[in-house]
Amino acid sequence: MGYLKFLRCAFLLLFLAVNSHALNIENFTLTDGMGKFDFGKFEILNLELVNGVLEMPLERDEYKNITVLDKNFLSVLSSCFKDNKSCENTGKTNKEIKTEILDIRQAGKIFLAEISFDSRLLVTFTVTENKGVVRVRRPSDFKFKDSRFERYLKNLIRQSYKDIKNESGKPK
C-alpha cells in the first residue's frame, strides 16, 4: 500500500513539474519585421505587426492555427513590436500554465484539437489516425522547446481523441 501511495505522489509531482510553467514571454526577437516569442516551453514564430495590428501566421497561407484570446495579452505582444526591443517576462500570469482542450472536431479527413494556454492563447493541432496509430501535429509556426511538455500535451490530445472516439464511435 505504501508503494502505491509513493507512485501516486511521484506521478502528481511529475505532473505539476511539467505544468508549472506560466505563459510568460521569456524572450522576444525581431528579424526583418517578423517576431518570435519564446514562452519557455514553446515558441511562436513569424508574427508581424501590420498597421498597428498583430498578424498571426497562416498555415499553408490559408488559415490561422494560433489565436490570441485575451485582449490584454494581445496588447502586451503588440507592444514588443512597437518598442522594437526585448520584452522579457512581461504581463501578469498564473503561477502554472493552464492547458486545456477546448474542442476536437472533424474537418474533412483530419481532426482539429484546439488547445488553450492560460486562456490567453489558442493553438490548433491536427490529429490523424492510420491503422490505429494516432498522430498529433503542431502548427508549423509553433515549436516545442521542452520535450516533456511536448509529450505531455500530445498524450493529452491523443487520450482526449480516443475518449471521444470511444464515446461516439468517432470524434465529433
Protein backbone atom coordinates (compact mmCIF):
# COMPACT_ATOMS: atom_id res chain seq x y z
CA MET A 1 0.00 0.00 0.00
CA GLY A 2 2.85 2.42 0.81
CA TYR A 3 4.40 1.78 -2.60
CA LEU A 4 1.17 2.76 -4.40
CA LYS A 5 0.96 5.99 -2.40
CA PHE A 6 4.56 6.72 -3.33
CA LEU A 7 3.82 6.15 -7.03
CA ARG A 8 0.76 8.41 -6.89
CA CYS A 9 2.77 11.17 -5.18
CA ALA A 10 5.62 10.79 -7.69
CA PHE A 11 3.16 10.99 -10.61
CA LEU A 12 1.49 14.07 -9.11
CA LEU A 13 4.84 15.80 -8.60
CA LEU A 14 5.89 14.98 -12.17
CA PHE A 15 2.54 16.28 -13.46
CA LEU A 16 2.92 19.52 -11.52
CA ALA A 17 6.54 19.94 -12.61
CA VAL A 18 5.59 19.57 -16.26
CA ASN A 19 2.74 22.05 -15.85
CA SER A 20 4.43 24.55 -13.54
CA HIS A 21 5.41 26.99 -16.27
CA ALA A 22 3.22 30.09 -16.68
CA LEU A 23 2.52 31.56 -20.10
CA ASN A 24 5.07 34.31 -19.84
CA ILE A 25 7.26 35.87 -22.51
CA GLU A 26 10.81 34.79 -21.79
CA ASN A 27 12.30 36.37 -24.90
CA PHE A 28 11.24 38.30 -27.98
CA THR A 29 13.31 38.75 -31.14
CA LEU A 30 12.51 40.82 -34.19
CA THR A 31 14.18 39.95 -37.50
CA ASP A 32 13.19 41.62 -40.80
CA GLY A 33 9.84 42.66 -39.31
CA MET A 34 8.98 39.13 -38.18
CA GLY A 35 8.68 38.46 -34.46
CA LYS A 36 9.46 35.34 -32.48
CA PHE A 37 8.05 34.91 -28.98
CA ASP A 38 9.69 32.45 -26.61
CA PHE A 39 7.35 31.22 -23.85
CA GLY A 40 9.87 28.80 -22.30
CA LYS A 41 8.16 25.50 -23.11
CA PHE A 42 7.37 26.58 -26.67
CA GLU A 43 7.81 29.45 -29.10
CA ILE A 44 5.73 31.07 -31.80
CA LEU A 45 7.40 32.26 -34.98
CA ASN A 46 6.60 34.58 -37.89
CA LEU A 47 4.30 37.11 -36.26
CA GLU A 48 4.26 40.64 -37.61
CA LEU A 49 2.74 44.00 -36.81
CA VAL A 50 0.86 45.40 -39.82
CA ASN A 51 -0.59 48.92 -39.46
CA GLY A 52 -0.59 48.53 -35.68
CA VAL A 53 -2.37 45.15 -35.75
CA LEU A 54 -0.62 41.94 -34.72
CA GLU A 55 -0.89 39.42 -37.58
CA MET A 56 -0.71 35.77 -36.65
CA PRO A 57 0.94 33.36 -39.09
CA LEU A 58 -1.23 31.50 -41.58
CA GLU A 59 -0.84 27.75 -42.00
CA ARG A 60 -0.28 26.98 -45.70
CA ASP A 61 -1.29 30.61 -46.39
CA GLU A 62 -4.90 29.63 -45.71
CA TYR A 63 -5.92 29.50 -42.07
CA LYS A 64 -4.83 30.59 -38.61
CA ASN A 65 -3.77 27.89 -36.17
CA ILE A 66 -2.69 30.36 -33.49
CA THR A 67 -5.04 32.93 -31.94
CA VAL A 68 -4.65 35.33 -29.03
CA LEU A 69 -7.73 35.03 -26.79
CA ASP A 70 -7.02 37.78 -24.27
CA LYS A 71 -7.05 41.47 -25.34
CA ASN A 72 -4.60 42.50 -22.63
CA PHE A 73 -2.18 39.78 -23.69
CA LEU A 74 -2.58 40.87 -27.33
CA SER A 75 -1.62 44.39 -26.23
CA VAL A 76 1.47 43.06 -24.45
CA LEU A 77 2.54 41.10 -27.55
CA SER A 78 1.93 44.10 -29.84
CA SER A 79 3.95 46.41 -27.58
CA CYS A 80 7.01 44.20 -28.12
CA PHE A 81 6.93 45.13 -31.81
CA LYS A 82 6.26 48.83 -31.22
CA ASP A 83 9.19 49.25 -28.87
CA ASN A 84 11.41 47.07 -31.09
CA LYS A 85 13.14 45.72 -28.02
CA SER A 86 13.24 42.60 -25.94
CA CYS A 87 10.16 42.31 -23.72
CA GLU A 88 11.19 39.55 -21.37
CA ASN A 89 8.89 38.38 -18.57
CA THR A 90 6.08 40.77 -19.38
CA GLY A 91 2.45 40.55 -18.40
CA LYS A 92 0.77 39.03 -15.36
CA THR A 93 0.38 35.28 -15.47
CA ASN A 94 -0.73 32.46 -13.21
CA LYS A 95 1.99 30.50 -11.44
CA GLU A 96 1.22 27.44 -13.54
CA ILE A 97 0.13 27.26 -17.14
CA LYS A 98 -3.43 26.09 -17.53
CA THR A 99 -3.54 23.79 -20.55
CA GLU A 100 -6.93 22.53 -21.66
CA ILE A 101 -8.53 21.02 -24.72
CA LEU A 102 -11.40 23.23 -25.80
CA ASP A 103 -12.59 21.17 -28.75
CA ILE A 104 -11.80 18.22 -31.00
CA ARG A 105 -13.78 18.16 -34.22
CA GLN A 106 -13.60 16.63 -37.67
CA ALA A 107 -12.54 18.79 -40.61
CA GLY A 108 -12.57 16.61 -43.71
CA LYS A 109 -10.20 13.68 -43.26
CA ILE A 110 -8.41 15.19 -40.27
CA PHE A 111 -9.45 16.24 -36.78
CA LEU A 112 -8.64 19.54 -35.13
CA ALA A 113 -7.75 19.83 -31.44
CA GLU A 114 -7.96 23.36 -30.02
CA ILE A 115 -5.67 23.85 -27.02
CA SER A 116 -5.89 26.85 -24.71
CA PHE A 117 -2.82 28.07 -22.80
CA ASP A 118 -3.76 30.09 -19.69
CA SER A 119 -6.93 31.20 -21.53
CA ARG A 120 -4.67 33.65 -23.38
CA LEU A 121 -3.55 31.71 -26.43
CA LEU A 122 -5.38 29.16 -28.60
CA VAL A 123 -3.36 26.74 -30.73
CA THR A 124 -4.95 24.28 -33.15
CA PHE A 125 -3.23 20.90 -33.61
CA THR A 126 -4.19 18.36 -36.26
CA VAL A 127 -4.99 14.77 -35.29
CA THR A 128 -4.93 11.88 -37.74
CA GLU A 129 -5.35 8.16 -37.29
CA ASN A 130 -4.00 5.50 -39.60
CA LYS A 131 -4.17 1.78 -38.78
CA GLY A 132 -4.80 2.55 -35.11
CA VAL A 133 -1.85 4.96 -34.74
CA VAL A 134 -2.93 8.45 -33.64
CA ARG A 135 -0.64 11.25 -34.79
CA VAL A 136 -0.71 14.79 -33.44
CA ARG A 137 0.90 17.57 -35.46
CA ARG A 138 1.63 21.07 -34.31
CA PRO A 139 1.22 24.18 -36.46
CA SER A 140 4.38 24.98 -38.44
CA ASP A 141 4.91 28.29 -36.59
CA PHE A 142 4.57 26.68 -33.14
CA LYS A 143 7.76 24.99 -31.90
CA PHE A 144 8.14 22.94 -28.75
CA LYS A 145 11.29 23.64 -26.75
CA ASP A 146 10.62 21.21 -23.90
CA SER A 147 10.29 17.54 -24.90
CA ARG A 148 8.49 16.56 -21.65
CA PHE A 149 5.89 19.27 -22.21
CA GLU A 150 5.52 18.14 -25.85
CA ARG A 151 4.97 14.51 -24.80
CA TYR A 152 2.51 15.57 -22.09
CA LEU A 153 0.48 17.74 -24.46
CA LYS A 154 0.44 15.26 -27.34
CA ASN A 155 -0.56 12.43 -24.99
CA LEU A 156 -3.34 14.62 -23.57
CA ILE A 157 -4.64 15.26 -27.11
CA ARG A 158 -4.35 11.58 -28.10
CA GLN A 159 -6.20 10.44 -24.98
CA SER A 160 -8.97 13.02 -25.46
CA TYR A 161 -9.32 11.98 -29.10
CA LYS A 162 -9.57 8.30 -28.10
CA ASP A 163 -12.09 9.10 -25.33
CA ILE A 164 -14.33 10.97 -27.75
CA LYS A 165 -13.96 8.22 -30.35
CA ASN A 166 -14.90 5.54 -27.79
CA GLU A 167 -17.95 7.53 -26.64
CA SER A 168 -19.50 8.10 -30.03
CA GLY A 169 -17.70 5.81 -32.44
CA LYS A 170 -15.81 8.75 -33.93
CA PRO A 171 -14.87 12.28 -32.83
CA LYS A 172 -17.50 14.97 -33.44
